Amino acid sequence: MAGTSTLDAWLGDAHGVEQLLRRALENHARDAADLPELSARYAELARASARHAEMLASCLTRRGGSISTVKSVLGKATGVIQVAMSGLAADELVKDVLSDFAAVQYAVASYTALIEAARLEGDHDTAEV
């Protein structure tokens, strides 16, 4: 496990997605300030996404890899653009909910693939995380 496998690349990609998702969810929590229950749920999801990113980074580090600086910077830039673009829509909250539903479905599929890839490599610790 030297940090060069497809699994390592996928772990790095998932980390970048979680970082991007966390920023989007934090923005959506602010967008929903007039709806306290929705805002609180978004804040809770943002905290979960931050924890997921930390867990992914730990797995990658344990495997001998590291988080790509380039992917991290690109993820931050994409997040800034995404936040700016969503703020332009009159139906912002509806679009936020739709995009977040799609993101959750993507995450479920991604984590399912990550678990199976870890199992195939014999990395049961990563599969468990």
N, C-alpha and C. Protein backbone atom coordinates (compact mmCIF):
# COMPACT_ATOMS: atom_id res chain seq x y z
N MET A 1 0.84 -1.19 0.00
CA MET A 1 0.00 0.00 0.00
C MET A 1 0.88 1.25 0.00
N ALA A 2 1.39 1.59 -1.14
CA ALA A 2 2.35 2.69 -1.22
C ALA A 2 1.75 4.00 -1.68
N GLY A 3 0.47 4.12 -1.69
CA GLY A 3 -0.15 5.39 -2.05
C GLY A 3 -0.22 5.65 -3.54
N THR A 4 -0.23 4.59 -4.36
CA THR A 4 -0.22 4.80 -5.80
C THR A 4 -1.32 4.03 -6.53
N SER A 5 -2.20 3.38 -5.82
CA SER A 5 -3.22 2.55 -6.45
C SER A 5 -4.44 3.37 -6.87
N THR A 6 -5.31 2.71 -7.61
CA THR A 6 -6.58 3.32 -7.98
C THR A 6 -7.35 3.71 -6.73
N LEU A 7 -7.31 2.85 -5.72
CA LEU A 7 -7.99 3.16 -4.46
C LEU A 7 -7.47 4.47 -3.87
N ASP A 8 -6.16 4.66 -3.90
CA ASP A 8 -5.59 5.89 -3.36
C ASP A 8 -6.09 7.11 -4.14
N ALA A 9 -6.15 6.99 -5.45
CA ALA A 9 -6.66 8.09 -6.27
C ALA A 9 -8.12 8.37 -5.93
N TRP A 10 -8.89 7.30 -5.76
CA TRP A 10 -10.31 7.47 -5.42
C TRP A 10 -10.48 8.09 -4.04
N LEU A 11 -9.64 7.69 -3.10
CA LEU A 11 -9.71 8.29 -1.76
C LEU A 11 -9.42 9.79 -1.84
N GLY A 12 -8.42 10.16 -2.63
CA GLY A 12 -8.11 11.58 -2.82
C GLY A 12 -9.24 12.33 -3.48
N ASP A 13 -9.85 11.71 -4.50
CA ASP A 13 -10.98 12.34 -5.17
C ASP A 13 -12.16 12.52 -4.21
N ALA A 14 -12.44 11.49 -3.43
CA ALA A 14 -13.56 11.56 -2.47
C ALA A 14 -13.29 12.65 -1.43
N HIS A 15 -12.04 12.78 -1.02
CA HIS A 15 -11.69 13.84 -0.07
C HIS A 15 -12.00 15.21 -0.67
N GLY A 16 -11.61 15.41 -1.92
CA GLY A 16 -11.89 16.68 -2.61
C GLY A 16 -13.38 16.95 -2.72
N VAL A 17 -14.15 15.91 -3.03
CA VAL A 17 -15.60 16.05 -3.14
C VAL A 17 -16.19 16.44 -1.79
N GLU A 18 -15.72 15.80 -0.72
CA GLU A 18 -16.24 16.13 0.62
C GLU A 18 -15.91 17.58 0.99
N GLN A 19 -14.72 18.04 0.64
CA GLN A 19 -14.35 19.42 0.93
C GLN A 19 -15.27 20.38 0.18
N LEU A 20 -15.51 20.09 -1.07
CA LEU A 20 -16.39 20.91 -1.90
C LEU A 20 -17.82 20.88 -1.36
N LEU A 21 -18.28 19.68 -1.02
CA LEU A 21 -19.64 19.52 -0.51
C LEU A 21 -19.81 20.27 0.82
N ARG A 22 -18.80 20.19 1.69
CA ARG A 22 -18.89 20.90 2.98
C ARG A 22 -19.10 22.39 2.76
N ARG A 23 -18.32 22.97 1.86
CA ARG A 23 -18.48 24.41 1.60
C ARG A 23 -19.85 24.73 1.02
N ALA A 24 -20.33 23.88 0.12
CA ALA A 24 -21.67 24.11 -0.46
C ALA A 24 -22.74 24.01 0.62
N LEU A 25 -22.63 23.02 1.49
CA LEU A 25 -23.63 22.85 2.55
C LEU A 25 -23.61 24.01 3.54
N GLU A 26 -22.43 24.51 3.85
CA GLU A 26 -22.33 25.69 4.73
C GLU A 26 -23.02 26.88 4.08
N ASN A 27 -22.81 27.05 2.79
CA ASN A 27 -23.47 28.13 2.06
C ASN A 27 -24.98 27.94 2.05
N HIS A 28 -25.42 26.70 1.86
CA HIS A 28 -26.86 26.43 1.83
C HIS A 28 -27.49 26.67 3.20
N ALA A 29 -26.74 26.40 4.27
CA ALA A 29 -27.24 26.70 5.62
C ALA A 29 -27.48 28.20 5.76
N ARG A 30 -26.56 29.00 5.23
CA ARG A 30 -26.74 30.46 5.28
C ARG A 30 -27.93 30.88 4.41
N ASP A 31 -28.07 30.24 3.25
CA ASP A 31 -29.19 30.57 2.35
C ASP A 31 -30.54 30.30 3.02
N ALA A 32 -30.56 29.30 3.88
CA ALA A 32 -31.81 28.88 4.53
C ALA A 32 -31.99 29.52 5.90
N ALA A 33 -31.34 30.62 6.15
CA ALA A 33 -31.39 31.26 7.47
C ALA A 33 -32.82 31.55 7.93
N ASP A 34 -33.72 31.81 6.99
CA ASP A 34 -35.12 32.09 7.35
C ASP A 34 -35.91 30.82 7.65
N LEU A 35 -35.30 29.67 7.42
CA LEU A 35 -35.92 28.37 7.70
C LEU A 35 -35.00 27.62 8.68
N PRO A 36 -35.16 27.89 9.98
CA PRO A 36 -34.20 27.38 10.97
C PRO A 36 -33.98 25.87 10.96
N GLU A 37 -35.03 25.09 10.74
CA GLU A 37 -34.86 23.63 10.73
C GLU A 37 -34.00 23.19 9.55
N LEU A 38 -34.26 23.77 8.38
CA LEU A 38 -33.48 23.44 7.19
C LEU A 38 -32.04 23.91 7.35
N SER A 39 -31.86 25.11 7.87
CA SER A 39 -30.53 25.65 8.09
C SER A 39 -29.74 24.76 9.05
N ALA A 40 -30.37 24.32 10.13
CA ALA A 40 -29.71 23.46 11.11
C ALA A 40 -29.33 22.12 10.49
N ARG A 41 -30.21 21.58 9.66
CA ARG A 41 -29.92 20.29 8.99
C ARG A 41 -28.74 20.45 8.05
N TYR A 42 -28.70 21.55 7.31
CA TYR A 42 -27.57 21.80 6.42
C TYR A 42 -26.27 21.93 7.22
N ALA A 43 -26.31 22.62 8.34
CA ALA A 43 -25.12 22.77 9.18
C ALA A 43 -24.65 21.42 9.70
N GLU A 44 -25.60 20.57 10.08
CA GLU A 44 -25.27 19.23 10.55
C GLU A 44 -24.61 18.41 9.43
N LEU A 45 -25.16 18.50 8.23
CA LEU A 45 -24.58 17.78 7.09
C LEU A 45 -23.19 18.30 6.74
N ALA A 46 -22.98 19.60 6.88
CA ALA A 46 -21.66 20.18 6.61
C ALA A 46 -20.63 19.64 7.61
N ARG A 47 -21.02 19.53 8.87
CA ARG A 47 -20.11 18.97 9.88
C ARG A 47 -19.80 17.50 9.57
N ALA A 48 -20.81 16.76 9.14
CA ALA A 48 -20.59 15.35 8.77
C ALA A 48 -19.64 15.26 7.58
N SER A 49 -19.81 16.13 6.62
CA SER A 49 -18.93 16.13 5.45
C SER A 49 -17.48 16.44 5.85
N ALA A 50 -17.30 17.35 6.79
CA ALA A 50 -15.95 17.66 7.29
C ALA A 50 -15.34 16.43 7.96
N ARG A 51 -16.15 15.71 8.75
CA ARG A 51 -15.66 14.48 9.39
C ARG A 51 -15.28 13.43 8.35
N HIS A 52 -16.11 13.31 7.30
CA HIS A 52 -15.81 12.35 6.24
C HIS A 52 -14.49 12.68 5.57
N ALA A 53 -14.26 13.96 5.31
CA ALA A 53 -13.00 14.38 4.68
C ALA A 53 -11.82 14.00 5.56
N GLU A 54 -11.95 14.21 6.87
CA GLU A 54 -10.88 13.85 7.80
C GLU A 54 -10.63 12.34 7.79
N MET A 55 -11.69 11.56 7.76
CA MET A 55 -11.56 10.11 7.74
C MET A 55 -10.87 9.64 6.46
N LEU A 56 -11.25 10.23 5.34
CA LEU A 56 -10.63 9.88 4.06
C LEU A 56 -9.15 10.23 4.07
N ALA A 57 -8.81 11.41 4.59
CA ALA A 57 -7.41 11.82 4.66
C ALA A 57 -6.62 10.85 5.54
N SER A 58 -7.21 10.41 6.64
CA SER A 58 -6.54 9.45 7.52
C SER A 58 -6.28 8.13 6.81
N CYS A 59 -7.27 7.66 6.07
CA CYS A 59 -7.09 6.41 5.31
C CYS A 59 -5.95 6.56 4.31
N LEU A 60 -5.97 7.65 3.59
CA LEU A 60 -4.94 7.86 2.57
C LEU A 60 -3.56 7.98 3.21
N THR A 61 -3.46 8.70 4.30
CA THR A 61 -2.18 8.84 5.00
C THR A 61 -1.70 7.49 5.51
N ARG A 62 -2.60 6.72 6.11
CA ARG A 62 -2.24 5.39 6.63
C ARG A 62 -1.72 4.50 5.51
N ARG A 63 -2.25 4.68 4.30
CA ARG A 63 -1.84 3.88 3.15
C ARG A 63 -0.55 4.41 2.52
N GLY A 64 -0.01 5.50 3.02
CA GLY A 64 1.24 6.03 2.49
C GLY A 64 1.06 7.13 1.47
N GLY A 65 -0.15 7.58 1.27
CA GLY A 65 -0.43 8.64 0.30
C GLY A 65 -0.61 9.98 0.99
N SER A 66 -0.98 10.96 0.20
CA SER A 66 -1.24 12.28 0.76
C SER A 66 -2.32 12.96 -0.08
N ILE A 67 -2.88 14.02 0.49
CA ILE A 67 -3.91 14.79 -0.20
C ILE A 67 -3.23 15.67 -1.24
N SER A 68 -3.75 15.63 -2.44
CA SER A 68 -3.18 16.43 -3.53
C SER A 68 -3.46 17.90 -3.32
N THR A 69 -2.40 18.71 -3.31
CA THR A 69 -2.54 20.16 -3.17
C THR A 69 -3.29 20.74 -4.36
N VAL A 70 -2.99 20.22 -5.55
CA VAL A 70 -3.66 20.71 -6.77
C VAL A 70 -5.16 20.46 -6.68
N LYS A 71 -5.55 19.25 -6.29
CA LYS A 71 -6.97 18.93 -6.17
C LYS A 71 -7.63 19.79 -5.10
N SER A 72 -6.92 20.03 -4.02
CA SER A 72 -7.45 20.85 -2.94
C SER A 72 -7.71 22.28 -3.42
N VAL A 73 -6.74 22.85 -4.12
CA VAL A 73 -6.89 24.23 -4.63
C VAL A 73 -8.01 24.29 -5.66
N LEU A 74 -8.06 23.32 -6.57
CA LEU A 74 -9.12 23.31 -7.58
C LEU A 74 -10.49 23.15 -6.93
N GLY A 75 -10.57 22.32 -5.89
CA GLY A 75 -11.82 22.14 -5.17
C GLY A 75 -12.29 23.43 -4.53
N LYS A 76 -11.36 24.17 -3.94
CA LYS A 76 -11.71 25.45 -3.32
C LYS A 76 -12.19 26.45 -4.36
N ALA A 77 -11.50 26.50 -5.49
CA ALA A 77 -11.89 27.43 -6.56
C ALA A 77 -13.26 27.07 -7.11
N THR A 78 -13.50 25.78 -7.30
CA THR A 78 -14.80 25.34 -7.79
C THR A 78 -15.89 25.68 -6.79
N GLY A 79 -15.59 25.52 -5.50
CA GLY A 79 -16.56 25.86 -4.46
C GLY A 79 -16.92 27.34 -4.47
N VAL A 80 -15.94 28.20 -4.66
CA VAL A 80 -16.20 29.64 -4.73
C VAL A 80 -17.10 29.96 -5.92
N ILE A 81 -16.82 29.34 -7.06
CA ILE A 81 -17.64 29.56 -8.26
C ILE A 81 -19.06 29.05 -8.03
N GLN A 82 -19.16 27.85 -7.43
CA GLN A 82 -20.48 27.27 -7.18
C GLN A 82 -21.30 28.16 -6.25
N VAL A 83 -20.69 28.66 -5.20
CA VAL A 83 -21.39 29.55 -4.26
C VAL A 83 -21.86 30.80 -4.98
N ALA A 84 -21.00 31.39 -5.78
CA ALA A 84 -21.36 32.61 -6.51
C ALA A 84 -22.51 32.35 -7.48
N MET A 85 -22.47 31.24 -8.17
CA MET A 85 -23.51 30.94 -9.17
C MET A 85 -24.86 30.66 -8.51
N SER A 86 -24.86 29.93 -7.39
CA SER A 86 -26.14 29.61 -6.77
C SER A 86 -26.81 30.86 -6.21
N GLY A 87 -26.03 31.86 -5.86
CA GLY A 87 -26.59 33.09 -5.31
C GLY A 87 -27.33 33.93 -6.32
N LEU A 88 -27.18 33.59 -7.61
CA LEU A 88 -27.83 34.36 -8.66
C LEU A 88 -29.26 33.92 -8.93
N ALA A 89 -29.66 32.77 -8.46
CA ALA A 89 -30.96 32.20 -8.81
C ALA A 89 -32.06 32.68 -7.86
N ALA A 90 -33.22 32.99 -8.45
CA ALA A 90 -34.37 33.41 -7.64
C ALA A 90 -34.92 32.23 -6.83
N ASP A 91 -34.77 31.05 -7.36
CA ASP A 91 -35.26 29.84 -6.70
C ASP A 91 -34.09 29.07 -6.06
N GLU A 92 -33.23 29.81 -5.42
CA GLU A 92 -31.97 29.29 -4.88
C GLU A 92 -32.15 28.09 -3.96
N LEU A 93 -33.06 28.16 -3.00
CA LEU A 93 -33.23 27.05 -2.06
C LEU A 93 -33.67 25.77 -2.74
N VAL A 94 -34.57 25.88 -3.70
CA VAL A 94 -35.02 24.69 -4.42
C VAL A 94 -33.85 24.07 -5.17
N LYS A 95 -33.06 24.90 -5.84
CA LYS A 95 -31.90 24.40 -6.58
C LYS A 95 -30.86 23.81 -5.62
N ASP A 96 -30.70 24.42 -4.45
CA ASP A 96 -29.79 23.87 -3.45
C ASP A 96 -30.21 22.45 -3.06
N VAL A 97 -31.49 22.28 -2.75
CA VAL A 97 -31.98 20.97 -2.32
C VAL A 97 -31.80 19.94 -3.43
N LEU A 98 -32.12 20.31 -4.66
CA LEU A 98 -31.96 19.38 -5.78
C LEU A 98 -30.50 18.98 -5.98
N SER A 99 -29.61 19.95 -5.95
CA SER A 99 -28.19 19.63 -6.16
C SER A 99 -27.65 18.81 -4.99
N ASP A 100 -28.12 19.07 -3.78
CA ASP A 100 -27.66 18.31 -2.62
C ASP A 100 -28.17 16.88 -2.66
N PHE A 101 -29.39 16.67 -3.13
CA PHE A 101 -29.92 15.32 -3.28
C PHE A 101 -29.05 14.54 -4.26
N ALA A 102 -28.70 15.16 -5.39
CA ALA A 102 -27.84 14.51 -6.38
C ALA A 102 -26.47 14.22 -5.78
N ALA A 103 -25.93 15.14 -5.01
CA ALA A 103 -24.61 14.96 -4.39
C ALA A 103 -24.62 13.78 -3.42
N VAL A 104 -25.70 13.64 -2.66
CA VAL A 104 -25.80 12.53 -1.72
C VAL A 104 -25.84 11.20 -2.47
N GLN A 105 -26.59 11.14 -3.54
CA GLN A 105 -26.66 9.90 -4.33
C GLN A 105 -25.29 9.56 -4.92
N TYR A 106 -24.58 10.56 -5.40
CA TYR A 106 -23.23 10.37 -5.92
C TYR A 106 -22.30 9.86 -4.81
N ALA A 107 -22.43 10.43 -3.62
CA ALA A 107 -21.59 10.01 -2.50
C ALA A 107 -21.86 8.55 -2.13
N VAL A 108 -23.11 8.15 -2.10
CA VAL A 108 -23.45 6.76 -1.79
C VAL A 108 -22.79 5.82 -2.81
N ALA A 109 -22.90 6.14 -4.07
CA ALA A 109 -22.28 5.32 -5.11
C ALA A 109 -20.76 5.31 -4.97
N SER A 110 -20.17 6.47 -4.70
CA SER A 110 -18.72 6.57 -4.56
C SER A 110 -18.21 5.76 -3.38
N TYR A 111 -18.87 5.88 -2.24
CA TYR A 111 -18.43 5.15 -1.07
C TYR A 111 -18.64 3.65 -1.24
N THR A 112 -19.68 3.24 -1.94
CA THR A 112 -19.87 1.82 -2.25
C THR A 112 -18.70 1.29 -3.07
N ALA A 113 -18.27 2.07 -4.08
CA ALA A 113 -17.12 1.68 -4.90
C ALA A 113 -15.84 1.67 -4.08
N LEU A 114 -15.66 2.67 -3.20
CA LEU A 114 -14.46 2.73 -2.36
C LEU A 114 -14.38 1.51 -1.42
N ILE A 115 -15.48 1.15 -0.84
CA ILE A 115 -15.51 -0.01 0.06
C ILE A 115 -15.10 -1.27 -0.69
N GLU A 116 -15.67 -1.46 -1.86
CA GLU A 116 -15.35 -2.66 -2.64
C GLU A 116 -13.90 -2.65 -3.11
N ALA A 117 -13.39 -1.50 -3.54
CA ALA A 117 -11.99 -1.40 -3.96
C ALA A 117 -11.06 -1.71 -2.80
N ALA A 118 -11.38 -1.20 -1.61
CA ALA A 118 -10.56 -1.48 -0.43
C ALA A 118 -10.58 -2.97 -0.10
N ARG A 119 -11.74 -3.59 -0.19
CA ARG A 119 -11.84 -5.03 0.08
C ARG A 119 -11.01 -5.82 -0.93
N LEU A 120 -11.09 -5.43 -2.20
CA LEU A 120 -10.33 -6.14 -3.23
C LEU A 120 -8.83 -6.01 -3.02
N GLU A 121 -8.38 -4.90 -2.45
CA GLU A 121 -6.96 -4.71 -2.15
C GLU A 121 -6.57 -5.33 -0.81
N GLY A 122 -7.56 -5.84 -0.09
CA GLY A 122 -7.27 -6.44 1.21
C GLY A 122 -7.09 -5.41 2.32
N ASP A 123 -7.51 -4.18 2.07
CA ASP A 123 -7.40 -3.11 3.07
C ASP A 123 -8.71 -3.02 3.84
N HIS A 124 -8.84 -3.91 4.82
CA HIS A 124 -10.09 -3.99 5.57
C HIS A 124 -10.30 -2.79 6.48
N ASP A 125 -9.21 -2.15 6.92
CA ASP A 125 -9.35 -0.95 7.75
C ASP A 125 -10.03 0.18 6.97
N THR A 126 -9.59 0.38 5.72
CA THR A 126 -10.22 1.43 4.89
C THR A 126 -11.66 1.05 4.57
N ALA A 127 -11.90 -0.21 4.26
CA ALA A 127 -13.27 -0.65 3.96
C ALA A 127 -14.18 -0.40 5.16
N GLU A 128 -13.68 -0.61 6.36
CA GLU A 128 -14.47 -0.38 7.56
C GLU A 128 -14.77 1.10 7.76
N VAL A 129 -13.80 1.97 7.49
CA VAL A 129 -14.00 3.41 7.64
C VAL A 129 -15.07 3.85 6.67
